[in-house]
Amino acid sequence: MSNKRATNWTAATDFQTVCLRANGRRHYNAMRQFRALMRRSEIVRLAVTKNISLFEHGAQAQLARALGVHRSTVNRDVSAIMGEARARQLCPLCGSMAVFERGA
């Protein structure tokens, strides 16, 4: 059995390779962010058109099945939607001004 690594991380890498890797990571992360944004807009659209409250029991699981993702993904997306709405003081569903109070 060899102790040799598949990649020698201490080896010098030319600048073109470094740039290509950085561009690949940038593209991959931009696509992930774009897909998350599209999924979040679809969550809001489904919640409005199907009259689903995002906080009812089973609503996030229902949305996850409709979108083909895991429940935890929808949970993170709902948290992001609500966090953005709180920052803007807007309702994430209708866009009107809203007052969010912290629960006791």
PDB file of N, CA and C in Angstrom:
ATOM      1  N   MET A   1       0.842  -1.183   0.000  1.00  0.00           N
ATOM      2  CA  MET A   1       0.000   0.000   0.000  1.00  0.00           C
ATOM      3  C   MET A   1       0.883   1.241   0.000  1.00  0.00           C
ATOM      4  N   SER A   2       0.591   2.143  -0.880  1.00  0.00           N
ATOM      5  CA  SER A   2       1.391   3.342  -1.034  1.00  0.00           C
ATOM      6  C   SER A   2       0.808   4.484  -0.211  1.00  0.00           C
ATOM      7  N   ASN A   3       1.665   5.313   0.323  1.00  0.00           N
ATOM      8  CA  ASN A   3       1.258   6.469   1.097  1.00  0.00           C
ATOM      9  C   ASN A   3       1.229   7.725   0.231  1.00  0.00           C
ATOM     10  N   LYS A   4       1.352   7.532  -1.081  1.00  0.00           N
ATOM     11  CA  LYS A   4       1.425   8.658  -2.005  1.00  0.00           C
ATOM     12  C   LYS A   4       0.053   9.296  -2.194  1.00  0.00           C
ATOM     13  N   ARG A   5       0.002  10.614  -2.166  1.00  0.00           N
ATOM     14  CA  ARG A   5      -1.243  11.348  -2.365  1.00  0.00           C
ATOM     15  C   ARG A   5      -1.538  11.497  -3.851  1.00  0.00           C
ATOM     16  N   ALA A   6      -2.822  11.628  -4.156  1.00  0.00           N
ATOM     17  CA  ALA A   6      -3.236  11.802  -5.550  1.00  0.00           C
ATOM     18  C   ALA A   6      -2.811  13.171  -6.070  1.00  0.00           C
ATOM     19  N   THR A   7      -2.804  14.170  -5.199  1.00  0.00           N
ATOM     20  CA  THR A   7      -2.436  15.526  -5.590  1.00  0.00           C
ATOM     21  C   THR A   7      -1.356  16.031  -4.655  1.00  0.00           C
ATOM     22  N   ASN A   8      -0.352  16.638  -5.229  1.00  0.00           N
ATOM     23  CA  ASN A   8       0.719  17.214  -4.436  1.00  0.00           C
ATOM     24  C   ASN A   8       0.383  18.693  -4.211  1.00  0.00           C
ATOM     25  N   TRP A   9      -0.150  19.006  -3.032  1.00  0.00           N
ATOM     26  CA  TRP A   9      -0.615  20.351  -2.753  1.00  0.00           C
ATOM     27  C   TRP A   9       0.522  21.350  -2.556  1.00  0.00           C
ATOM     28  N   THR A  10       1.719  20.866  -2.324  1.00  0.00           N
ATOM     29  CA  THR A  10       2.847  21.777  -2.128  1.00  0.00           C
ATOM     30  C   THR A  10       3.542  22.118  -3.441  1.00  0.00           C
ATOM     31  N   ALA A  11       3.187  21.458  -4.514  1.00  0.00           N
ATOM     32  CA  ALA A  11       3.822  21.721  -5.808  1.00  0.00           C
ATOM     33  C   ALA A  11       3.396  23.093  -6.326  1.00  0.00           C
ATOM     34  N   ALA A  12       4.300  23.741  -7.004  1.00  0.00           N
ATOM     35  CA  ALA A  12       4.001  25.043  -7.591  1.00  0.00           C
ATOM     36  C   ALA A  12       2.949  24.877  -8.693  1.00  0.00           C
ATOM     37  N   THR A  13       2.035  25.820  -8.768  1.00  0.00           N
ATOM     38  CA  THR A  13       0.979  25.788  -9.780  1.00  0.00           C
ATOM     39  C   THR A  13       1.079  27.058 -10.610  1.00  0.00           C
ATOM     40  N   ASP A  14       0.982  26.876 -11.923  1.00  0.00           N
ATOM     41  CA  ASP A  14       1.107  28.049 -12.785  1.00  0.00           C
ATOM     42  C   ASP A  14      -0.131  28.941 -12.644  1.00  0.00           C
ATOM     43  N   PHE A  15       0.026  30.204 -12.979  1.00  0.00           N
ATOM     44  CA  PHE A  15      -1.007  31.207 -12.775  1.00  0.00           C
ATOM     45  C   PHE A  15      -2.267  30.912 -13.575  1.00  0.00           C
ATOM     46  N   GLN A  16      -2.123  30.390 -14.784  1.00  0.00           N
ATOM     47  CA  GLN A  16      -3.279  30.080 -15.615  1.00  0.00           C
ATOM     48  C   GLN A  16      -4.150  29.007 -14.949  1.00  0.00           C
ATOM     49  N   THR A  17      -3.536  27.993 -14.358  1.00  0.00           N
ATOM     50  CA  THR A  17      -4.283  26.942 -13.661  1.00  0.00           C
ATOM     51  C   THR A  17      -4.994  27.508 -12.446  1.00  0.00           C
ATOM     52  N   VAL A  18      -4.303  28.390 -11.714  1.00  0.00           N
ATOM     53  CA  VAL A  18      -4.913  29.023 -10.544  1.00  0.00           C
ATOM     54  C   VAL A  18      -6.142  29.835 -10.972  1.00  0.00           C
ATOM     55  N   CYS A  19      -6.027  30.573 -12.053  1.00  0.00           N
ATOM     56  CA  CYS A  19      -7.145  31.388 -12.546  1.00  0.00           C
ATOM     57  C   CYS A  19      -8.304  30.510 -13.019  1.00  0.00           C
ATOM     58  N   LEU A  20      -8.005  29.418 -13.704  1.00  0.00           N
ATOM     59  CA  LEU A  20      -9.051  28.519 -14.168  1.00  0.00           C
ATOM     60  C   LEU A  20      -9.805  27.898 -12.991  1.00  0.00           C
ATOM     61  N   ARG A  21      -9.084  27.496 -11.956  1.00  0.00           N
ATOM     62  CA  ARG A  21      -9.732  26.928 -10.777  1.00  0.00           C
ATOM     63  C   ARG A  21     -10.616  27.964 -10.084  1.00  0.00           C
ATOM     64  N   ALA A  22     -10.106  29.190  -9.960  1.00  0.00           N
ATOM     65  CA  ALA A  22     -10.880  30.252  -9.315  1.00  0.00           C
ATOM     66  C   ALA A  22     -12.137  30.550 -10.122  1.00  0.00           C
ATOM     67  N   ASN A  23     -12.010  30.587 -11.440  1.00  0.00           N
ATOM     68  CA  ASN A  23     -13.181  30.837 -12.287  1.00  0.00           C
ATOM     69  C   ASN A  23     -14.199  29.708 -12.166  1.00  0.00           C
ATOM     70  N   GLY A  24     -13.717  28.484 -12.063  1.00  0.00           N
ATOM     71  CA  GLY A  24     -14.612  27.344 -11.889  1.00  0.00           C
ATOM     72  C   GLY A  24     -15.381  27.429 -10.578  1.00  0.00           C
ATOM     73  N   ARG A  25     -14.685  27.768  -9.498  1.00  0.00           N
ATOM     74  CA  ARG A  25     -15.351  27.927  -8.199  1.00  0.00           C
ATOM     75  C   ARG A  25     -16.346  29.075  -8.239  1.00  0.00           C
ATOM     76  N   ARG A  26     -15.963  30.186  -8.856  1.00  0.00           N
ATOM     77  CA  ARG A  26     -16.842  31.352  -8.961  1.00  0.00           C
ATOM     78  C   ARG A  26     -18.114  30.989  -9.726  1.00  0.00           C
ATOM     79  N   HIS A  27     -17.962  30.275 -10.823  1.00  0.00           N
ATOM     80  CA  HIS A  27     -19.115  29.861 -11.623  1.00  0.00           C
ATOM     81  C   HIS A  27     -20.002  28.895 -10.835  1.00  0.00           C
ATOM     82  N   TYR A  28     -19.403  27.916 -10.182  1.00  0.00           N
ATOM     83  CA  TYR A  28     -20.160  26.934  -9.406  1.00  0.00           C
ATOM     84  C   TYR A  28     -20.963  27.615  -8.300  1.00  0.00           C
ATOM     85  N   ASN A  29     -20.331  28.519  -7.568  1.00  0.00           N
ATOM     86  CA  ASN A  29     -21.017  29.222  -6.478  1.00  0.00           C
ATOM     87  C   ASN A  29     -22.097  30.163  -7.004  1.00  0.00           C
ATOM     88  N   ALA A  30     -21.853  30.809  -8.134  1.00  0.00           N
ATOM     89  CA  ALA A  30     -22.862  31.686  -8.724  1.00  0.00           C
ATOM     90  C   ALA A  30     -24.085  30.876  -9.150  1.00  0.00           C
ATOM     91  N   MET A  31     -23.870  29.682  -9.688  1.00  0.00           N
ATOM     92  CA  MET A  31     -24.987  28.830 -10.089  1.00  0.00           C
ATOM     93  C   MET A  31     -25.772  28.358  -8.871  1.00  0.00           C
ATOM     94  N   ARG A  32     -25.092  28.023  -7.789  1.00  0.00           N
ATOM     95  CA  ARG A  32     -25.772  27.617  -6.561  1.00  0.00           C
ATOM     96  C   ARG A  32     -26.628  28.763  -6.023  1.00  0.00           C
ATOM     97  N   GLN A  33     -26.083  29.968  -6.029  1.00  0.00           N
ATOM     98  CA  GLN A  33     -26.829  31.128  -5.545  1.00  0.00           C
ATOM     99  C   GLN A  33     -28.029  31.412  -6.441  1.00  0.00           C
ATOM    100  N   PHE A  34     -27.854  31.264  -7.739  1.00  0.00           N
ATOM    101  CA  PHE A  34     -28.952  31.493  -8.681  1.00  0.00           C
ATOM    102  C   PHE A  34     -30.065  30.474  -8.462  1.00  0.00           C
ATOM    103  N   ARG A  35     -29.694  29.187  -8.320  1.00  0.00           N
ATOM    104  CA  ARG A  35     -30.702  28.147  -8.089  1.00  0.00           C
ATOM    105  C   ARG A  35     -31.444  28.381  -6.781  1.00  0.00           C
ATOM    106  N   ALA A  36     -30.721  28.823  -5.740  1.00  0.00           N
ATOM    107  CA  ALA A  36     -31.369  29.113  -4.454  1.00  0.00           C
ATOM    108  C   ALA A  36     -32.344  30.269  -4.600  1.00  0.00           C
ATOM    109  N   LEU A  37     -31.962  31.307  -5.324  1.00  0.00           N
ATOM    110  CA  LEU A  37     -32.843  32.452  -5.538  1.00  0.00           C
ATOM    111  C   LEU A  37     -34.093  32.045  -6.305  1.00  0.00           C
ATOM    112  N   MET A  38     -33.938  31.226  -7.333  1.00  0.00           N
ATOM    113  CA  MET A  38     -35.082  30.767  -8.116  1.00  0.00           C
ATOM    114  C   MET A  38     -35.995  29.876  -7.267  1.00  0.00           C
ATOM    115  N   ARG A  39     -35.394  29.017  -6.448  1.00  0.00           N
ATOM    116  CA  ARG A  39     -36.179  28.142  -5.576  1.00  0.00           C
ATOM    117  C   ARG A  39     -36.952  28.963  -4.555  1.00  0.00           C
ATOM    118  N   ARG A  40     -36.346  30.004  -4.009  1.00  0.00           N
ATOM    119  CA  ARG A  40     -37.023  30.868  -3.038  1.00  0.00           C
ATOM    120  C   ARG A  40     -38.181  31.616  -3.674  1.00  0.00           C
ATOM    121  N   SER A  41     -37.997  32.081  -4.890  1.00  0.00           N
ATOM    122  CA  SER A  41     -39.099  32.768  -5.562  1.00  0.00           C
ATOM    123  C   SER A  41     -40.224  31.777  -5.864  1.00  0.00           C
ATOM    124  N   GLU A  42     -39.883  30.538  -6.170  1.00  0.00           N
ATOM    125  CA  GLU A  42     -40.900  29.513  -6.414  1.00  0.00           C
ATOM    126  C   GLU A  42     -41.644  29.164  -5.124  1.00  0.00           C
ATOM    127  N   ILE A  43     -40.954  29.159  -3.994  1.00  0.00           N
ATOM    128  CA  ILE A  43     -41.602  28.914  -2.704  1.00  0.00           C
ATOM    129  C   ILE A  43     -42.632  29.996  -2.426  1.00  0.00           C
ATOM    130  N   VAL A  44     -42.260  31.243  -2.651  1.00  0.00           N
ATOM    131  CA  VAL A  44     -43.197  32.353  -2.427  1.00  0.00           C
ATOM    132  C   VAL A  44     -44.372  32.249  -3.391  1.00  0.00           C
ATOM    133  N   ARG A  45     -44.092  31.932  -4.654  1.00  0.00           N
ATOM    134  CA  ARG A  45     -45.157  31.803  -5.644  1.00  0.00           C
ATOM    135  C   ARG A  45     -46.129  30.690  -5.259  1.00  0.00           C
ATOM    136  N   LEU A  46     -45.607  29.531  -4.869  1.00  0.00           N
ATOM    137  CA  LEU A  46     -46.473  28.417  -4.463  1.00  0.00           C
ATOM    138  C   LEU A  46     -47.279  28.768  -3.221  1.00  0.00           C
ATOM    139  N   ALA A  47     -46.641  29.450  -2.275  1.00  0.00           N
ATOM    140  CA  ALA A  47     -47.343  29.825  -1.048  1.00  0.00           C
ATOM    141  C   ALA A  47     -48.497  30.769  -1.348  1.00  0.00           C
ATOM    142  N   VAL A  48     -48.305  31.676  -2.287  1.00  0.00           N
ATOM    143  CA  VAL A  48     -49.356  32.632  -2.630  1.00  0.00           C
ATOM    144  C   VAL A  48     -50.455  31.963  -3.458  1.00  0.00           C
ATOM    145  N   THR A  49     -50.079  31.228  -4.499  1.00  0.00           N
ATOM    146  CA  THR A  49     -51.092  30.657  -5.402  1.00  0.00           C
ATOM    147  C   THR A  49     -51.881  29.533  -4.743  1.00  0.00           C
ATOM    148  N   LYS A  50     -51.233  28.743  -3.886  1.00  0.00           N
ATOM    149  CA  LYS A  50     -51.936  27.629  -3.239  1.00  0.00           C
ATOM    150  C   LYS A  50     -52.410  27.978  -1.838  1.00  0.00           C
ATOM    151  N   ASN A  51     -52.232  29.243  -1.457  1.00  0.00           N
ATOM    152  CA  ASN A  51     -52.678  29.735  -0.156  1.00  0.00           C
ATOM    153  C   ASN A  51     -52.119  28.865   0.981  1.00  0.00           C
ATOM    154  N   ILE A  52     -50.806  28.659   0.958  1.00  0.00           N
ATOM    155  CA  ILE A  52     -50.127  27.852   1.964  1.00  0.00           C
ATOM    156  C   ILE A  52     -49.437  28.793   2.946  1.00  0.00           C
ATOM    157  N   SER A  53     -49.723  28.624   4.215  1.00  0.00           N
ATOM    158  CA  SER A  53     -48.987  29.371   5.231  1.00  0.00           C
ATOM    159  C   SER A  53     -47.660  28.662   5.441  1.00  0.00           C
ATOM    160  N   LEU A  54     -46.572  29.390   5.384  1.00  0.00           N
ATOM    161  CA  LEU A  54     -45.246  28.788   5.510  1.00  0.00           C
ATOM    162  C   LEU A  54     -44.989  28.202   6.887  1.00  0.00           C
ATOM    163  N   PHE A  55     -45.853  28.530   7.850  1.00  0.00           N
ATOM    164  CA  PHE A  55     -45.610  28.096   9.220  1.00  0.00           C
ATOM    165  C   PHE A  55     -46.624  27.071   9.715  1.00  0.00           C
ATOM    166  N   GLU A  56     -47.507  26.599   8.842  1.00  0.00           N
ATOM    167  CA  GLU A  56     -48.435  25.538   9.224  1.00  0.00           C
ATOM    168  C   GLU A  56     -47.685  24.220   9.282  1.00  0.00           C
ATOM    169  N   HIS A  57     -48.195  23.316  10.115  1.00  0.00           N
ATOM    170  CA  HIS A  57     -47.576  22.000  10.235  1.00  0.00           C
ATOM    171  C   HIS A  57     -47.631  21.277   8.889  1.00  0.00           C
ATOM    172  N   GLY A  58     -46.483  20.840   8.404  1.00  0.00           N
ATOM    173  CA  GLY A  58     -46.407  20.084   7.159  1.00  0.00           C
ATOM    174  C   GLY A  58     -46.291  20.915   5.901  1.00  0.00           C
ATOM    175  N   ALA A  59     -46.384  22.231   6.018  1.00  0.00           N
ATOM    176  CA  ALA A  59     -46.345  23.080   4.819  1.00  0.00           C
ATOM    177  C   ALA A  59     -44.984  23.026   4.141  1.00  0.00           C
ATOM    178  N   GLN A  60     -43.921  23.049   4.918  1.00  0.00           N
ATOM    179  CA  GLN A  60     -42.590  23.030   4.320  1.00  0.00           C
ATOM    180  C   GLN A  60     -42.285  21.679   3.691  1.00  0.00           C
ATOM    181  N   ALA A  61     -42.787  20.601   4.288  1.00  0.00           N
ATOM    182  CA  ALA A  61     -42.618  19.274   3.693  1.00  0.00           C
ATOM    183  C   ALA A  61     -43.395  19.189   2.383  1.00  0.00           C
ATOM    184  N   GLN A  62     -44.577  19.779   2.353  1.00  0.00           N
ATOM    185  CA  GLN A  62     -45.391  19.811   1.136  1.00  0.00           C
ATOM    186  C   GLN A  62     -44.667  20.591   0.032  1.00  0.00           C
ATOM    187  N   LEU A  63     -44.096  21.723   0.390  1.00  0.00           N
ATOM    188  CA  LEU A  63     -43.338  22.516  -0.590  1.00  0.00           C
ATOM    189  C   LEU A  63     -42.096  21.763  -1.061  1.00  0.00           C
ATOM    190  N   ALA A  64     -41.441  21.057  -0.145  1.00  0.00           N
ATOM    191  CA  ALA A  64     -40.247  20.290  -0.508  1.00  0.00           C
ATOM    192  C   ALA A  64     -40.590  19.205  -1.526  1.00  0.00           C
ATOM    193  N   ARG A  65     -41.702  18.522  -1.318  1.00  0.00           N
ATOM    194  CA  ARG A  65     -42.131  17.496  -2.282  1.00  0.00           C
ATOM    195  C   ARG A  65     -42.443  18.135  -3.637  1.00  0.00           C
ATOM    196  N   ALA A  66     -43.101  19.278  -3.622  1.00  0.00           N
ATOM    197  CA  ALA A  66     -43.456  19.953  -4.878  1.00  0.00           C
ATOM    198  C   ALA A  66     -42.215  20.400  -5.644  1.00  0.00           C
ATOM    199  N   LEU A  67     -41.164  20.788  -4.909  1.00  0.00           N
ATOM    200  CA  LEU A  67     -39.949  21.291  -5.553  1.00  0.00           C
ATOM    201  C   LEU A  67     -38.904  20.206  -5.780  1.00  0.00           C
ATOM    202  N   GLY A  68     -39.096  19.052  -5.153  1.00  0.00           N
ATOM    203  CA  GLY A  68     -38.136  17.957  -5.325  1.00  0.00           C
ATOM    204  C   GLY A  68     -36.854  18.162  -4.548  1.00  0.00           C
ATOM    205  N   VAL A  69     -36.945  18.809  -3.395  1.00  0.00           N
ATOM    206  CA  VAL A  69     -35.775  19.027  -2.543  1.00  0.00           C
ATOM    207  C   VAL A  69     -36.079  18.516  -1.138  1.00  0.00           C
ATOM    208  N   HIS A  70     -35.090  18.510  -0.280  1.00  0.00           N
ATOM    209  CA  HIS A  70     -35.266  18.051   1.094  1.00  0.00           C
ATOM    210  C   HIS A  70     -35.965  19.128   1.925  1.00  0.00           C
ATOM    211  N   ARG A  71     -36.660  18.691   2.976  1.00  0.00           N
ATOM    212  CA  ARG A  71     -37.358  19.634   3.860  1.00  0.00           C
ATOM    213  C   ARG A  71     -36.418  20.664   4.452  1.00  0.00           C
ATOM    214  N   SER A  72     -35.210  20.244   4.806  1.00  0.00           N
ATOM    215  CA  SER A  72     -34.270  21.187   5.409  1.00  0.00           C
ATOM    216  C   SER A  72     -33.876  22.295   4.435  1.00  0.00           C
ATOM    217  N   THR A  73     -33.864  21.990   3.148  1.00  0.00           N
ATOM    218  CA  THR A  73     -33.572  23.020   2.146  1.00  0.00           C
ATOM    219  C   THR A  73     -34.672  24.071   2.136  1.00  0.00           C
ATOM    220  N   VAL A  74     -35.922  23.624   2.169  1.00  0.00           N
ATOM    221  CA  VAL A  74     -37.052  24.563   2.208  1.00  0.00           C
ATOM    222  C   VAL A  74     -37.019  25.355   3.509  1.00  0.00           C
ATOM    223  N   ASN A  75     -36.666  24.692   4.615  1.00  0.00           N
ATOM    224  CA  ASN A  75     -36.574  25.373   5.904  1.00  0.00           C
ATOM    225  C   ASN A  75     -35.542  26.503   5.848  1.00  0.00           C
ATOM    226  N   ARG A  76     -34.372  26.221   5.274  1.00  0.00           N
ATOM    227  CA  ARG A  76     -33.340  27.261   5.130  1.00  0.00           C
ATOM    228  C   ARG A  76     -33.825  28.382   4.223  1.00  0.00           C
ATOM    229  N   ASP A  77     -34.523  28.017   3.147  1.00  0.00           N
ATOM    230  CA  ASP A  77     -35.026  29.029   2.223  1.00  0.00           C
ATOM    231  C   ASP A  77     -36.075  29.914   2.887  1.00  0.00           C
ATOM    232  N   VAL A  78     -36.977  29.316   3.654  1.00  0.00           N
ATOM    233  CA  VAL A  78     -37.994  30.109   4.358  1.00  0.00           C
ATOM    234  C   VAL A  78     -37.322  31.044   5.356  1.00  0.00           C
ATOM    235  N   SER A  79     -36.302  30.547   6.063  1.00  0.00           N
ATOM    236  CA  SER A  79     -35.571  31.405   7.002  1.00  0.00           C
ATOM    237  C   SER A  79     -34.919  32.570   6.278  1.00  0.00           C
ATOM    238  N   ALA A  80     -34.348  32.310   5.100  1.00  0.00           N
ATOM    239  CA  ALA A  80     -33.716  33.381   4.313  1.00  0.00           C
ATOM    240  C   ALA A  80     -34.764  34.370   3.818  1.00  0.00           C
ATOM    241  N   ILE A  81     -35.908  33.871   3.367  1.00  0.00           N
ATOM    242  CA  ILE A  81     -36.982  34.750   2.890  1.00  0.00           C
ATOM    243  C   ILE A  81     -37.457  35.659   4.014  1.00  0.00           C
ATOM    244  N   MET A  82     -37.686  35.071   5.170  1.00  0.00           N
ATOM    245  CA  MET A  82     -38.175  35.861   6.301  1.00  0.00           C
ATOM    246  C   MET A  82     -37.100  36.828   6.807  1.00  0.00           C
ATOM    247  N   GLY A  83     -35.851  36.420   6.803  1.00  0.00           N
ATOM    248  CA  GLY A  83     -34.770  37.311   7.221  1.00  0.00           C
ATOM    249  C   GLY A  83     -34.659  38.514   6.314  1.00  0.00           C
ATOM    250  N   GLU A  84     -34.796  38.287   5.016  1.00  0.00           N
ATOM    251  CA  GLU A  84     -34.751  39.389   4.061  1.00  0.00           C
ATOM    252  C   GLU A  84     -35.966  40.299   4.230  1.00  0.00           C
ATOM    253  N   ALA A  85     -37.116  39.690   4.490  1.00  0.00           N
ATOM    254  CA  ALA A  85     -38.328  40.486   4.681  1.00  0.00           C
ATOM    255  C   ALA A  85     -38.206  41.346   5.932  1.00  0.00           C
ATOM    256  N   ARG A  86     -37.634  40.790   6.993  1.00  0.00           N
ATOM    257  CA  ARG A  86     -37.457  41.573   8.221  1.00  0.00           C
ATOM    258  C   ARG A  86     -36.517  42.746   7.985  1.00  0.00           C
ATOM    259  N   ALA A  87     -35.464  42.498   7.213  1.00  0.00           N
ATOM    260  CA  ALA A  87     -34.498  43.562   6.944  1.00  0.00           C
ATOM    261  C   ALA A  87     -35.139  44.684   6.136  1.00  0.00           C
ATOM    262  N   ARG A  88     -36.041  44.346   5.234  1.00  0.00           N
ATOM    263  CA  ARG A  88     -36.691  45.346   4.395  1.00  0.00           C
ATOM    264  C   ARG A  88     -38.003  45.850   4.976  1.00  0.00           C
ATOM    265  N   GLN A  89     -38.492  45.202   6.029  1.00  0.00           N
ATOM    266  CA  GLN A  89     -39.776  45.534   6.629  1.00  0.00           C
ATOM    267  C   GLN A  89     -40.915  45.335   5.632  1.00  0.00           C
ATOM    268  N   LEU A  90     -40.795  44.306   4.783  1.00  0.00           N
ATOM    269  CA  LEU A  90     -41.827  44.003   3.806  1.00  0.00           C
ATOM    270  C   LEU A  90     -42.343  42.584   4.018  1.00  0.00           C
ATOM    271  N   CYS A  91     -43.603  42.380   3.739  1.00  0.00           N
ATOM    272  CA  CYS A  91     -44.184  41.043   3.785  1.00  0.00           C
ATOM    273  C   CYS A  91     -43.617  40.253   2.602  1.00  0.00           C
ATOM    274  N   PRO A  92     -43.058  39.036   2.829  1.00  0.00           N
ATOM    275  CA  PRO A  92     -42.473  38.290   1.719  1.00  0.00           C
ATOM    276  C   PRO A  92     -43.507  37.768   0.734  1.00  0.00           C
ATOM    277  N   LEU A  93     -44.774  37.742   1.114  1.00  0.00           N
ATOM    278  CA  LEU A  93     -45.805  37.206   0.232  1.00  0.00           C
ATOM    279  C   LEU A  93     -46.484  38.276  -0.602  1.00  0.00           C
ATOM    280  N   CYS A  94     -46.874  39.391   0.039  1.00  0.00           N
ATOM    281  CA  CYS A  94     -47.621  40.409  -0.711  1.00  0.00           C
ATOM    282  C   CYS A  94     -46.799  41.665  -0.992  1.00  0.00           C
ATOM    283  N   GLY A  95     -45.673  41.846  -0.287  1.00  0.00           N
ATOM    284  CA  GLY A  95     -44.820  42.998  -0.548  1.00  0.00           C
ATOM    285  C   GLY A  95     -45.214  44.253   0.184  1.00  0.00           C
ATOM    286  N   SER A  96     -46.273  44.204   0.999  1.00  0.00           N
ATOM    287  CA  SER A  96     -46.690  45.401   1.727  1.00  0.00           C
ATOM    288  C   SER A  96     -45.810  45.599   2.948  1.00  0.00           C
ATOM    289  N   MET A  97     -45.847  46.804   3.474  1.00  0.00           N
ATOM    290  CA  MET A  97     -45.081  47.104   4.687  1.00  0.00           C
ATOM    291  C   MET A  97     -45.615  46.245   5.823  1.00  0.00           C
ATOM    292  N   ALA A  98     -44.715  45.717   6.609  1.00  0.00           N
ATOM    293  CA  ALA A  98     -45.127  44.836   7.715  1.00  0.00           C
ATOM    294  C   ALA A  98     -44.306  45.182   8.949  1.00  0.00           C
ATOM    295  N   VAL A  99     -44.881  44.931  10.088  1.00  0.00           N
ATOM    296  CA  VAL A  99     -44.186  45.124  11.349  1.00  0.00           C
ATOM    297  C   VAL A  99     -43.950  43.758  11.949  1.00  0.00           C
ATOM    298  N   PHE A 100     -42.678  43.391  12.119  1.00  0.00           N
ATOM    299  CA  PHE A 100     -42.336  42.106  12.697  1.00  0.00           C
ATOM    300  C   PHE A 100     -41.916  42.322  14.143  1.00  0.00           C
ATOM    301  N   GLU A 101     -42.628  41.686  15.036  1.00  0.00           N
ATOM    302  CA  GLU A 101     -42.277  41.789  16.451  1.00  0.00           C
ATOM    303  C   GLU A 101     -41.699  40.482  16.916  1.00  0.00           C
ATOM    304  N   ARG A 102     -40.700  40.569  17.739  1.00  0.00           N
ATOM    305  CA  ARG A 102     -40.062  39.386  18.280  1.00  0.00           C
ATOM    306  C   ARG A 102     -40.985  38.758  19.313  1.00  0.00           C
ATOM    307  N   GLY A 103     -41.204  37.450  19.206  1.00  0.00           N
ATOM    308  CA  GLY A 103     -42.078  36.749  20.149  1.00  0.00           C
ATOM    309  C   GLY A 103     -41.504  36.730  21.535  1.00  0.00           C
ATOM    310  N   ALA A 104     -42.363  36.730  22.543  1.00  0.00           N
ATOM    311  CA  ALA A 104     -41.931  36.753  23.928  1.00  0.00           C
ATOM    312  C   ALA A 104     -41.503  35.393  24.392  1.00  0.00           C
TER     313      ALA A 104
END
